Amino acid sequence: MASVKHPGNPGWTGHHTAQCMARTQQETPATGANLPHSGPEENLDAPSIVNPNSNMTTRELQEYWRNEKGHWKHVKLLFEIASAHIEERKASKFVMYQIVVIQTGSFDSNKAVLERRYSDFEQLQKNLLKTFREEIEDVAFPKKRLMGNFTEEMICERKLAFKEYLSLLYTIRCVRRSREFIDFLTRPELREAFGCLRAGQYTKALDILTRVVPLQEKLTRHCPVAVVPALCAMLVCHRDLERPLEAFATGERALQRLQARESHRYYAPLLDAMARLAYALGKDFVSLQERLEETQLRKPATRGLTLKELTVREYLC
């Protein structure tokens, strides 16, 4: 029987959850375990595991596995170095390369555009060599020269070399699924977005997340929960900008990726936030509240973090 309390009442206790629930499998990175890291710690090379204590119906479980099967279909991406330009900042001078990432096989309305400098590519290479030295031994990396790095000829040569470099790395399964590779393509933008969230710059944070999340989704189709922190950050931004409909829609996307993952640290805080949004929008909040209460009964604990308190702790460095 549903509780008589609702998210609009002072007696609502939905947020008294486990401290965001212990991470599933103590989610350590699939690769690069020795590297310092402050972002989400999802296992990027492991399938989602259904909780045996999940309260999903047979129909819901069937739908879940259909979605999982779809998520595991390999998304083919095309890498281009669209342009390059020289930047000068105080005592430093460097070339900034614009990378365009497009999904092949169909029209991609969410192509990703990002910028990286030579030192970023160089750091990626160093990180990959720590874990995948044998796998990438035949992948050529353009070496830095003592002179001539800023000539038009050299910049054009590097553009072609970096395109080939990223394309070859992507063909290696363990590399394209590695934290090192995914972080290279998404982490700077995610760090900036979460920094804006912490500063209360919700519109700017949303603008960045709207651009980077589609790429993150394409890179982590094998691990759908990896994008949950970013989706929850978008929910918080929409909600605090008084856009409850957009917040709720984004939360539904996040919940879909957490199906049968009730022990995930974002599960209870997300349910709590969604129940409150549903109540404010006149939607069915009872089912969300019941799911939250069932989760709490299985793993009672002291008050956990709210969704916002959890998201602002991501990407601190």
C-alpha atoms as a PDB file:
ATOM      1  CA  MET A   1       0.000   0.000   0.000  1.00  0.00           C
ATOM      2  CA  ALA A   2       1.368   3.397  -0.966  1.00  0.00           C
ATOM      3  CA  SER A   3       2.414   5.797   1.736  1.00  0.00           C
ATOM      4  CA  VAL A   4      -0.001   8.606   2.536  1.00  0.00           C
ATOM      5  CA  LYS A   5       2.953  10.966   2.508  1.00  0.00           C
ATOM      6  CA  HIS A   6       3.870  12.656  -0.733  1.00  0.00           C
ATOM      7  CA  PRO A   7       6.757  14.803  -2.012  1.00  0.00           C
ATOM      8  CA  GLY A   8       4.814  17.964  -1.222  1.00  0.00           C
ATOM      9  CA  ASN A   9       4.371  17.208   2.466  1.00  0.00           C
ATOM     10  CA  PRO A  10       6.832  18.035   5.267  1.00  0.00           C
ATOM     11  CA  GLY A  11       6.628  14.384   6.303  1.00  0.00           C
ATOM     12  CA  TRP A  12       8.009  13.134   2.985  1.00  0.00           C
ATOM     13  CA  THR A  13      10.883  10.821   3.795  1.00  0.00           C
ATOM     14  CA  GLY A  14      11.894   9.743   0.315  1.00  0.00           C
ATOM     15  CA  HIS A  15      15.274  11.417   0.581  1.00  0.00           C
ATOM     16  CA  HIS A  16      16.251   9.443   3.699  1.00  0.00           C
ATOM     17  CA  THR A  17      18.054   6.859   1.629  1.00  0.00           C
ATOM     18  CA  ALA A  18      21.329   5.027   1.773  1.00  0.00           C
ATOM     19  CA  GLN A  19      24.280   7.276   1.166  1.00  0.00           C
ATOM     20  CA  CYS A  20      23.481   7.108  -2.509  1.00  0.00           C
ATOM     21  CA  MET A  21      23.710   3.299  -2.250  1.00  0.00           C
ATOM     22  CA  ALA A  22      27.015   1.443  -2.434  1.00  0.00           C
ATOM     23  CA  ARG A  23      28.353   1.417  -5.952  1.00  0.00           C
ATOM     24  CA  THR A  24      27.559  -1.683  -7.941  1.00  0.00           C
ATOM     25  CA  GLN A  25      30.514  -4.067  -7.834  1.00  0.00           C
ATOM     26  CA  GLN A  26      32.509  -1.232  -6.195  1.00  0.00           C
ATOM     27  CA  GLU A  27      32.582   0.111  -9.748  1.00  0.00           C
ATOM     28  CA  THR A  28      36.270   0.495 -10.567  1.00  0.00           C
ATOM     29  CA  PRO A  29      37.455   1.613 -13.988  1.00  0.00           C
ATOM     30  CA  ALA A  30      37.818  -1.115 -16.601  1.00  0.00           C
ATOM     31  CA  THR A  31      41.197   0.277 -17.527  1.00  0.00           C
ATOM     32  CA  GLY A  32      43.664   2.807 -16.303  1.00  0.00           C
ATOM     33  CA  ALA A  33      43.117   1.767 -12.704  1.00  0.00           C
ATOM     34  CA  ASN A  34      46.383   3.374 -11.637  1.00  0.00           C
ATOM     35  CA  LEU A  35      45.493   6.777 -13.044  1.00  0.00           C
ATOM     36  CA  PRO A  36      44.112   9.458 -10.716  1.00  0.00           C
ATOM     37  CA  HIS A  37      40.471  10.030 -11.492  1.00  0.00           C
ATOM     38  CA  SER A  38      37.616  11.971  -9.946  1.00  0.00           C
ATOM     39  CA  GLY A  39      34.748  11.396 -12.350  1.00  0.00           C
ATOM     40  CA  PRO A  40      32.135   8.624 -12.367  1.00  0.00           C
ATOM     41  CA  GLU A  41      33.736   5.263 -11.626  1.00  0.00           C
ATOM     42  CA  GLU A  42      31.630   3.054 -13.899  1.00  0.00           C
ATOM     43  CA  ASN A  43      33.132  -0.129 -15.305  1.00  0.00           C
ATOM     44  CA  LEU A  44      33.222   0.891 -18.945  1.00  0.00           C
ATOM     45  CA  ASP A  45      33.882  -2.585 -20.294  1.00  0.00           C
ATOM     46  CA  ALA A  46      31.265  -4.575 -18.412  1.00  0.00           C
ATOM     47  CA  PRO A  47      27.601  -5.215 -19.241  1.00  0.00           C
ATOM     48  CA  SER A  48      24.843  -3.981 -16.981  1.00  0.00           C
ATOM     49  CA  ILE A  49      23.982  -6.619 -14.395  1.00  0.00           C
ATOM     50  CA  VAL A  50      20.387  -7.168 -13.331  1.00  0.00           C
ATOM     51  CA  ASN A  51      19.876  -7.077  -9.582  1.00  0.00           C
ATOM     52  CA  PRO A  52      18.388 -10.450  -8.563  1.00  0.00           C
ATOM     53  CA  ASN A  53      16.284  -8.613  -5.971  1.00  0.00           C
ATOM     54  CA  SER A  54      14.831  -6.247  -8.558  1.00  0.00           C
ATOM     55  CA  ASN A  55      11.083  -5.676  -8.269  1.00  0.00           C
ATOM     56  CA  MET A  56      10.641  -5.443 -12.042  1.00  0.00           C
ATOM     57  CA  THR A  57       7.800  -7.420 -13.605  1.00  0.00           C
ATOM     58  CA  THR A  58       8.439 -10.068 -16.257  1.00  0.00           C
ATOM     59  CA  ARG A  59       7.332  -7.644 -18.939  1.00  0.00           C
ATOM     60  CA  GLU A  60       9.633  -4.936 -17.607  1.00  0.00           C
ATOM     61  CA  LEU A  61      12.551  -7.371 -17.516  1.00  0.00           C
ATOM     62  CA  GLN A  62      11.874  -8.390 -21.132  1.00  0.00           C
ATOM     63  CA  GLU A  63      11.822  -4.737 -22.155  1.00  0.00           C
ATOM     64  CA  TYR A  64      15.014  -4.159 -20.183  1.00  0.00           C
ATOM     65  CA  TRP A  65      16.884  -6.905 -22.027  1.00  0.00           C
ATOM     66  CA  ARG A  66      15.577  -5.673 -25.387  1.00  0.00           C
ATOM     67  CA  ASN A  67      16.999  -2.263 -24.559  1.00  0.00           C
ATOM     68  CA  GLU A  68      20.271  -3.812 -23.390  1.00  0.00           C
ATOM     69  CA  LYS A  69      20.598  -5.733 -26.641  1.00  0.00           C
ATOM     70  CA  GLY A  70      20.092  -2.506 -28.546  1.00  0.00           C
ATOM     71  CA  HIS A  71      22.653  -0.679 -26.428  1.00  0.00           C
ATOM     72  CA  TRP A  72      25.279  -3.312 -27.169  1.00  0.00           C
ATOM     73  CA  LYS A  73      25.060  -2.823 -30.939  1.00  0.00           C
ATOM     74  CA  HIS A  74      28.372  -1.308 -31.938  1.00  0.00           C
ATOM     75  CA  VAL A  75      28.098   2.315 -33.024  1.00  0.00           C
ATOM     76  CA  LYS A  76      30.588   3.158 -35.746  1.00  0.00           C
ATOM     77  CA  LEU A  77      32.104   6.599 -35.462  1.00  0.00           C
ATOM     78  CA  LEU A  78      34.027   8.632 -38.004  1.00  0.00           C
ATOM     79  CA  PHE A  79      36.763  11.025 -36.882  1.00  0.00           C
ATOM     80  CA  GLU A  80      37.762  14.128 -38.817  1.00  0.00           C
ATOM     81  CA  ILE A  81      40.171  16.944 -38.019  1.00  0.00           C
ATOM     82  CA  ALA A  82      38.108  19.723 -39.543  1.00  0.00           C
ATOM     83  CA  SER A  83      40.456  22.612 -38.887  1.00  0.00           C
ATOM     84  CA  ALA A  84      43.415  23.847 -36.886  1.00  0.00           C
ATOM     85  CA  HIS A  85      44.546  27.233 -35.655  1.00  0.00           C
ATOM     86  CA  ILE A  86      47.424  28.689 -33.683  1.00  0.00           C
ATOM     87  CA  GLU A  87      46.717  30.105 -30.234  1.00  0.00           C
ATOM     88  CA  GLU A  88      48.964  32.229 -28.051  1.00  0.00           C
ATOM     89  CA  ARG A  89      48.392  32.538 -24.306  1.00  0.00           C
ATOM     90  CA  LYS A  90      50.885  34.547 -22.263  1.00  0.00           C
ATOM     91  CA  ALA A  91      54.175  32.680 -22.677  1.00  0.00           C
ATOM     92  CA  SER A  92      52.735  29.674 -24.546  1.00  0.00           C
ATOM     93  CA  LYS A  93      51.977  29.103 -28.197  1.00  0.00           C
ATOM     94  CA  PHE A  94      50.279  26.000 -29.531  1.00  0.00           C
ATOM     95  CA  VAL A  95      48.089  24.581 -32.283  1.00  0.00           C
ATOM     96  CA  MET A  96      44.469  23.771 -31.464  1.00  0.00           C
ATOM     97  CA  TYR A  97      42.881  21.024 -33.551  1.00  0.00           C
ATOM     98  CA  GLN A  98      39.121  20.844 -34.092  1.00  0.00           C
ATOM     99  CA  ILE A  99      37.864  17.241 -33.972  1.00  0.00           C
ATOM    100  CA  VAL A 100      34.510  16.313 -35.483  1.00  0.00           C
ATOM    101  CA  VAL A 101      32.985  12.966 -34.502  1.00  0.00           C
ATOM    102  CA  ILE A 102      30.111  11.644 -36.601  1.00  0.00           C
ATOM    103  CA  GLN A 103      28.111   8.435 -36.362  1.00  0.00           C
ATOM    104  CA  THR A 104      28.229   6.599 -39.677  1.00  0.00           C
ATOM    105  CA  GLY A 105      25.444   4.670 -41.381  1.00  0.00           C
ATOM    106  CA  SER A 106      22.747   7.311 -40.926  1.00  0.00           C
ATOM    107  CA  PHE A 107      22.298  11.063 -40.692  1.00  0.00           C
ATOM    108  CA  ASP A 108      23.802  12.246 -37.429  1.00  0.00           C
ATOM    109  CA  SER A 109      22.118  15.400 -36.152  1.00  0.00           C
ATOM    110  CA  ASN A 110      24.282  15.323 -33.022  1.00  0.00           C
ATOM    111  CA  LYS A 111      27.773  15.361 -34.452  1.00  0.00           C
ATOM    112  CA  ALA A 112      30.308  16.275 -31.811  1.00  0.00           C
ATOM    113  CA  VAL A 113      32.749  19.138 -32.270  1.00  0.00           C
ATOM    114  CA  LEU A 114      35.606  19.489 -29.794  1.00  0.00           C
ATOM    115  CA  GLU A 115      39.059  21.014 -29.638  1.00  0.00           C
ATOM    116  CA  ARG A 116      42.292  19.447 -28.437  1.00  0.00           C
ATOM    117  CA  ARG A 117      45.911  20.584 -28.596  1.00  0.00           C
ATOM    118  CA  TYR A 118      48.979  18.490 -29.366  1.00  0.00           C
ATOM    119  CA  SER A 119      49.754  17.992 -25.671  1.00  0.00           C
ATOM    120  CA  ASP A 120      46.280  16.465 -25.167  1.00  0.00           C
ATOM    121  CA  PHE A 121      46.936  13.890 -27.888  1.00  0.00           C
ATOM    122  CA  GLU A 122      50.378  13.276 -26.410  1.00  0.00           C
ATOM    123  CA  GLN A 123      48.897  12.636 -22.954  1.00  0.00           C
ATOM    124  CA  LEU A 124      46.360  10.224 -24.451  1.00  0.00           C
ATOM    125  CA  GLN A 125      49.193   8.291 -26.076  1.00  0.00           C
ATOM    126  CA  LYS A 126      51.133   8.102 -22.798  1.00  0.00           C
ATOM    127  CA  ASN A 127      48.060   6.918 -20.895  1.00  0.00           C
ATOM    128  CA  LEU A 128      47.236   4.252 -23.472  1.00  0.00           C
ATOM    129  CA  LEU A 129      50.801   2.946 -23.501  1.00  0.00           C
ATOM    130  CA  LYS A 130      50.532   2.182 -19.790  1.00  0.00           C
ATOM    131  CA  THR A 131      47.731  -0.317 -20.392  1.00  0.00           C
ATOM    132  CA  PHE A 132      47.639  -1.157 -24.102  1.00  0.00           C
ATOM    133  CA  ARG A 133      51.275  -1.066 -25.223  1.00  0.00           C
ATOM    134  CA  GLU A 134      51.004  -4.260 -27.272  1.00  0.00           C
ATOM    135  CA  GLU A 135      47.605  -3.404 -28.708  1.00  0.00           C
ATOM    136  CA  ILE A 136      48.704  -0.015 -30.059  1.00  0.00           C
ATOM    137  CA  GLU A 137      52.295  -0.822 -31.020  1.00  0.00           C
ATOM    138  CA  ASP A 138      51.410  -0.506 -34.717  1.00  0.00           C
ATOM    139  CA  VAL A 139      49.506   2.776 -34.305  1.00  0.00           C
ATOM    140  CA  ALA A 140      51.753   5.643 -35.342  1.00  0.00           C
ATOM    141  CA  PHE A 141      51.767   8.785 -33.219  1.00  0.00           C
ATOM    142  CA  PRO A 142      53.022  12.023 -34.812  1.00  0.00           C
ATOM    143  CA  LYS A 143      56.180  13.048 -32.999  1.00  0.00           C
ATOM    144  CA  LYS A 144      56.919  16.601 -31.904  1.00  0.00           C
ATOM    145  CA  ARG A 145      59.701  18.380 -33.763  1.00  0.00           C
ATOM    146  CA  LEU A 146      62.215  20.867 -32.460  1.00  0.00           C
ATOM    147  CA  MET A 147      61.399  23.350 -35.217  1.00  0.00           C
ATOM    148  CA  GLY A 148      58.670  23.989 -37.764  1.00  0.00           C
ATOM    149  CA  ASN A 149      55.696  22.951 -35.619  1.00  0.00           C
ATOM    150  CA  PHE A 150      53.732  26.057 -36.604  1.00  0.00           C
ATOM    151  CA  THR A 151      54.239  25.999 -40.365  1.00  0.00           C
ATOM    152  CA  GLU A 152      51.177  25.486 -42.532  1.00  0.00           C
ATOM    153  CA  GLU A 153      52.733  22.365 -44.018  1.00  0.00           C
ATOM    154  CA  MET A 154      53.341  20.801 -40.606  1.00  0.00           C
ATOM    155  CA  ILE A 155      49.865  21.659 -39.327  1.00  0.00           C
ATOM    156  CA  CYS A 156      48.244  20.060 -42.395  1.00  0.00           C
ATOM    157  CA  GLU A 157      50.440  16.991 -41.959  1.00  0.00           C
ATOM    158  CA  ARG A 158      49.451  16.733 -38.293  1.00  0.00           C
ATOM    159  CA  LYS A 159      45.743  17.062 -39.128  1.00  0.00           C
ATOM    160  CA  LEU A 160      45.927  14.002 -41.356  1.00  0.00           C
ATOM    161  CA  ALA A 161      48.080  12.126 -38.854  1.00  0.00           C
ATOM    162  CA  PHE A 162      45.718  12.764 -35.931  1.00  0.00           C
ATOM    163  CA  LYS A 163      42.709  11.721 -38.007  1.00  0.00           C
ATOM    164  CA  GLU A 164      44.454   8.445 -38.816  1.00  0.00           C
ATOM    165  CA  TYR A 165      45.564   8.053 -35.203  1.00  0.00           C
ATOM    166  CA  LEU A 166      42.059   8.394 -33.732  1.00  0.00           C
ATOM    167  CA  SER A 167      40.529   6.218 -36.444  1.00  0.00           C
ATOM    168  CA  LEU A 168      43.005   3.405 -35.814  1.00  0.00           C
ATOM    169  CA  LEU A 169      42.576   3.601 -32.045  1.00  0.00           C
ATOM    170  CA  TYR A 170      38.825   3.334 -32.491  1.00  0.00           C
ATOM    171  CA  THR A 171      39.166   0.073 -34.429  1.00  0.00           C
ATOM    172  CA  ILE A 172      40.737  -1.582 -31.361  1.00  0.00           C
ATOM    173  CA  ARG A 173      37.853  -2.758 -29.173  1.00  0.00           C
ATOM    174  CA  CYS A 174      39.575  -2.592 -25.797  1.00  0.00           C
ATOM    175  CA  VAL A 175      40.941   0.866 -26.568  1.00  0.00           C
ATOM    176  CA  ARG A 176      37.713   2.471 -27.764  1.00  0.00           C
ATOM    177  CA  ARG A 177      35.999   1.181 -24.611  1.00  0.00           C
ATOM    178  CA  SER A 178      38.771   2.319 -22.308  1.00  0.00           C
ATOM    179  CA  ARG A 179      38.429   5.153 -19.848  1.00  0.00           C
ATOM    180  CA  GLU A 180      41.533   6.784 -21.328  1.00  0.00           C
ATOM    181  CA  PHE A 181      40.041   7.053 -24.824  1.00  0.00           C
ATOM    182  CA  ILE A 182      36.565   8.094 -23.671  1.00  0.00           C
ATOM    183  CA  ASP A 183      37.990  10.654 -21.246  1.00  0.00           C
ATOM    184  CA  PHE A 184      40.103  12.196 -24.001  1.00  0.00           C
ATOM    185  CA  LEU A 185      36.964  12.868 -26.037  1.00  0.00           C
ATOM    186  CA  THR A 186      34.590  13.924 -23.255  1.00  0.00           C
ATOM    187  CA  ARG A 187      36.259  14.718 -19.940  1.00  0.00           C
ATOM    188  CA  PRO A 188      37.333  18.360 -20.548  1.00  0.00           C
ATOM    189  CA  GLU A 189      33.794  19.328 -21.539  1.00  0.00           C
ATOM    190  CA  LEU A 190      32.245  17.354 -18.673  1.00  0.00           C
ATOM    191  CA  ARG A 191      34.614  18.964 -16.168  1.00  0.00           C
ATOM    192  CA  GLU A 192      33.661  22.406 -17.455  1.00  0.00           C
ATOM    193  CA  ALA A 193      29.942  21.587 -17.336  1.00  0.00           C
ATOM    194  CA  PHE A 194      30.048  20.251 -13.773  1.00  0.00           C
ATOM    195  CA  GLY A 195      32.125  23.264 -12.751  1.00  0.00           C
ATOM    196  CA  CYS A 196      29.387  25.525 -14.124  1.00  0.00           C
ATOM    197  CA  LEU A 197      26.805  23.480 -12.216  1.00  0.00           C
ATOM    198  CA  ARG A 198      28.696  23.993  -8.960  1.00  0.00           C
ATOM    199  CA  ALA A 199      28.884  27.728  -9.695  1.00  0.00           C
ATOM    200  CA  GLY A 200      25.137  27.938 -10.310  1.00  0.00           C
ATOM    201  CA  GLN A 201      25.658  28.681 -14.021  1.00  0.00           C
ATOM    202  CA  TYR A 202      22.908  26.286 -15.056  1.00  0.00           C
ATOM    203  CA  THR A 203      22.287  27.651 -18.554  1.00  0.00           C
ATOM    204  CA  LYS A 204      25.967  27.393 -19.491  1.00  0.00           C
ATOM    205  CA  ALA A 205      26.226  23.935 -17.929  1.00  0.00           C
ATOM    206  CA  LEU A 206      23.209  22.766 -19.928  1.00  0.00           C
ATOM    207  CA  ASP A 207      24.644  24.143 -23.154  1.00  0.00           C
ATOM    208  CA  ILE A 208      27.848  22.153 -22.676  1.00  0.00           C
ATOM    209  CA  LEU A 209      26.080  18.979 -21.525  1.00  0.00           C
ATOM    210  CA  THR A 210      23.669  19.108 -24.456  1.00  0.00           C
ATOM    211  CA  ARG A 211      26.674  18.982 -26.774  1.00  0.00           C
ATOM    212  CA  VAL A 212      28.809  16.395 -24.969  1.00  0.00           C
ATOM    213  CA  VAL A 213      26.207  13.895 -23.711  1.00  0.00           C
ATOM    214  CA  PRO A 214      25.262  12.583 -27.206  1.00  0.00           C
ATOM    215  CA  LEU A 215      28.937  11.765 -27.827  1.00  0.00           C
ATOM    216  CA  GLN A 216      29.285  10.177 -24.390  1.00  0.00           C
ATOM    217  CA  GLU A 217      26.244   8.011 -25.147  1.00  0.00           C
ATOM    218  CA  LYS A 218      27.758   6.829 -28.433  1.00  0.00           C
ATOM    219  CA  LEU A 219      31.071   5.989 -26.788  1.00  0.00           C
ATOM    220  CA  THR A 220      29.487   4.094 -23.877  1.00  0.00           C
ATOM    221  CA  ARG A 221      26.724   2.104 -25.553  1.00  0.00           C
ATOM    222  CA  HIS A 222      28.267  -1.003 -23.964  1.00  0.00           C
ATOM    223  CA  CYS A 223      27.874   0.603 -20.504  1.00  0.00           C
ATOM    224  CA  PRO A 224      24.673   2.735 -20.448  1.00  0.00           C
ATOM    225  CA  VAL A 225      25.022   3.700 -16.777  1.00  0.00           C
ATOM    226  CA  ALA A 226      28.197   5.670 -17.548  1.00  0.00           C
ATOM    227  CA  VAL A 227      26.115   8.595 -18.810  1.00  0.00           C
ATOM    228  CA  VAL A 228      23.819   8.705 -15.749  1.00  0.00           C
ATOM    229  CA  PRO A 229      25.808  11.374 -13.821  1.00  0.00           C
ATOM    230  CA  ALA A 230      25.686  13.737 -16.805  1.00  0.00           C
ATOM    231  CA  LEU A 231      21.956  13.143 -17.316  1.00  0.00           C
ATOM    232  CA  CYS A 232      21.326  13.777 -13.626  1.00  0.00           C
ATOM    233  CA  ALA A 233      23.316  17.004 -13.877  1.00  0.00           C
ATOM    234  CA  MET A 234      21.043  18.044 -16.753  1.00  0.00           C
ATOM    235  CA  LEU A 235      17.996  17.227 -14.610  1.00  0.00           C
ATOM    236  CA  VAL A 236      19.316  19.425 -11.793  1.00  0.00           C
ATOM    237  CA  CYS A 237      19.991  22.300 -14.206  1.00  0.00           C
ATOM    238  CA  HIS A 238      16.525  22.105 -15.778  1.00  0.00           C
ATOM    239  CA  ARG A 239      14.874  21.861 -12.368  1.00  0.00           C
ATOM    240  CA  ASP A 240      16.757  24.822 -10.904  1.00  0.00           C
ATOM    241  CA  LEU A 241      15.952  26.843 -14.027  1.00  0.00           C
ATOM    242  CA  GLU A 242      12.278  26.038 -13.317  1.00  0.00           C
ATOM    243  CA  ARG A 243      11.860  23.754 -16.322  1.00  0.00           C
ATOM    244  CA  PRO A 244      10.183  20.789 -14.599  1.00  0.00           C
ATOM    245  CA  LEU A 245       8.966  19.114 -17.799  1.00  0.00           C
ATOM    246  CA  GLU A 246      12.465  19.042 -19.294  1.00  0.00           C
ATOM    247  CA  ALA A 247      13.883  17.922 -15.952  1.00  0.00           C
ATOM    248  CA  PHE A 248      11.400  15.043 -15.719  1.00  0.00           C
ATOM    249  CA  ALA A 249      12.046  13.934 -19.315  1.00  0.00           C
ATOM    250  CA  THR A 250      15.793  13.894 -18.683  1.00  0.00           C
ATOM    251  CA  GLY A 251      15.264  11.965 -15.453  1.00  0.00           C
ATOM    252  CA  GLU A 252      13.298   9.317 -17.343  1.00  0.00           C
ATOM    253  CA  ARG A 253      16.296   8.828 -19.635  1.00  0.00           C
ATOM    254  CA  ALA A 254      18.529   8.360 -16.606  1.00  0.00           C
ATOM    255  CA  LEU A 255      16.123   5.939 -14.913  1.00  0.00           C
ATOM    256  CA  GLN A 256      15.929   3.858 -18.078  1.00  0.00           C
ATOM    257  CA  ARG A 257      19.690   3.364 -17.885  1.00  0.00           C
ATOM    258  CA  LEU A 258      19.439   2.352 -14.227  1.00  0.00           C
ATOM    259  CA  GLN A 259      16.785  -0.339 -14.671  1.00  0.00           C
ATOM    260  CA  ALA A 260      17.578  -3.312 -12.444  1.00  0.00           C
ATOM    261  CA  ARG A 261      20.538  -1.423 -10.963  1.00  0.00           C
ATOM    262  CA  GLU A 262      18.925  -0.568  -7.622  1.00  0.00           C
ATOM    263  CA  SER A 263      22.231  -0.630  -5.755  1.00  0.00           C
ATOM    264  CA  HIS A 264      23.706   2.070  -7.975  1.00  0.00           C
ATOM    265  CA  ARG A 265      24.628   5.209  -6.043  1.00  0.00           C
ATOM    266  CA  TYR A 266      22.390   7.398  -8.232  1.00  0.00           C
ATOM    267  CA  TYR A 267      19.303   5.170  -8.083  1.00  0.00           C
ATOM    268  CA  ALA A 268      17.683   6.338  -4.822  1.00  0.00           C
ATOM    269  CA  PRO A 269      18.529  10.062  -5.163  1.00  0.00           C
ATOM    270  CA  LEU A 270      17.192  10.016  -8.721  1.00  0.00           C
ATOM    271  CA  LEU A 271      13.947   8.312  -7.680  1.00  0.00           C
ATOM    272  CA  ASP A 272      13.498  10.877  -4.928  1.00  0.00           C
ATOM    273  CA  ALA A 273      14.007  13.786  -7.344  1.00  0.00           C
ATOM    274  CA  MET A 274      11.676  12.205  -9.913  1.00  0.00           C
ATOM    275  CA  ALA A 275       8.929  11.619  -7.338  1.00  0.00           C
ATOM    276  CA  ARG A 276       9.043  15.282  -6.355  1.00  0.00           C
ATOM    277  CA  LEU A 277       8.955  16.402  -9.983  1.00  0.00           C
ATOM    278  CA  ALA A 278       6.087  14.028 -10.766  1.00  0.00           C
ATOM    279  CA  TYR A 279       4.065  15.398  -7.857  1.00  0.00           C
ATOM    280  CA  ALA A 280       4.709  19.001  -8.944  1.00  0.00           C
ATOM    281  CA  LEU A 281       3.679  18.166 -12.522  1.00  0.00           C
ATOM    282  CA  GLY A 282       0.565  16.243 -11.517  1.00  0.00           C
ATOM    283  CA  LYS A 283       2.031  12.984 -12.814  1.00  0.00           C
ATOM    284  CA  ASP A 284       1.994   9.557 -11.154  1.00  0.00           C
ATOM    285  CA  PHE A 285       4.384   9.997  -8.241  1.00  0.00           C
ATOM    286  CA  VAL A 286       3.036   7.067  -6.215  1.00  0.00           C
ATOM    287  CA  SER A 287       4.784   4.369  -8.264  1.00  0.00           C
ATOM    288  CA  LEU A 288       8.084   6.248  -8.006  1.00  0.00           C
ATOM    289  CA  GLN A 289       7.607   6.666  -4.264  1.00  0.00           C
ATOM    290  CA  GLU A 290       6.814   2.966  -3.867  1.00  0.00           C
ATOM    291  CA  ARG A 291       9.964   1.984  -5.771  1.00  0.00           C
ATOM    292  CA  LEU A 292      11.991   4.264  -3.529  1.00  0.00           C
ATOM    293  CA  GLU A 293      10.433   2.874  -0.341  1.00  0.00           C
ATOM    294  CA  GLU A 294      11.021  -0.715  -1.487  1.00  0.00           C
ATOM    295  CA  THR A 295      14.663   0.127  -2.140  1.00  0.00           C
ATOM    296  CA  GLN A 296      14.961   1.685   1.309  1.00  0.00           C
ATOM    297  CA  LEU A 297      13.391  -1.355   2.969  1.00  0.00           C
ATOM    298  CA  ARG A 298      15.904  -3.667   1.314  1.00  0.00           C
ATOM    299  CA  LYS A 299      18.794  -1.492   2.384  1.00  0.00           C
ATOM    300  CA  PRO A 300      17.841   0.856   5.240  1.00  0.00           C
ATOM    301  CA  ALA A 301      20.340   3.526   6.153  1.00  0.00           C
ATOM    302  CA  THR A 302      20.707   7.052   7.400  1.00  0.00           C
ATOM    303  CA  ARG A 303      19.983  10.052   5.252  1.00  0.00           C
ATOM    304  CA  GLY A 304      21.771   9.929   1.926  1.00  0.00           C
ATOM    305  CA  LEU A 305      22.782  12.697  -0.433  1.00  0.00           C
ATOM    306  CA  THR A 306      20.239  14.475  -2.583  1.00  0.00           C
ATOM    307  CA  LEU A 307      20.670  14.290  -6.341  1.00  0.00           C
ATOM    308  CA  LYS A 308      22.181  17.766  -6.476  1.00  0.00           C
ATOM    309  CA  GLU A 309      24.541  17.037  -3.580  1.00  0.00           C
ATOM    310  CA  LEU A 310      25.701  13.949  -5.463  1.00  0.00           C
ATOM    311  CA  THR A 311      26.176  15.561  -8.877  1.00  0.00           C
ATOM    312  CA  VAL A 312      28.196  18.540  -7.632  1.00  0.00           C
ATOM    313  CA  ARG A 313      30.823  16.089  -6.328  1.00  0.00           C
ATOM    314  CA  GLU A 314      31.623  14.779  -9.805  1.00  0.00           C
ATOM    315  CA  TYR A 315      34.642  15.918 -11.844  1.00  0.00           C
ATOM    316  CA  LEU A 316      36.235  17.927  -9.052  1.00  0.00           C
ATOM    317  CA  CYS A 317      39.677  17.761 -10.664  1.00  0.00           C
END
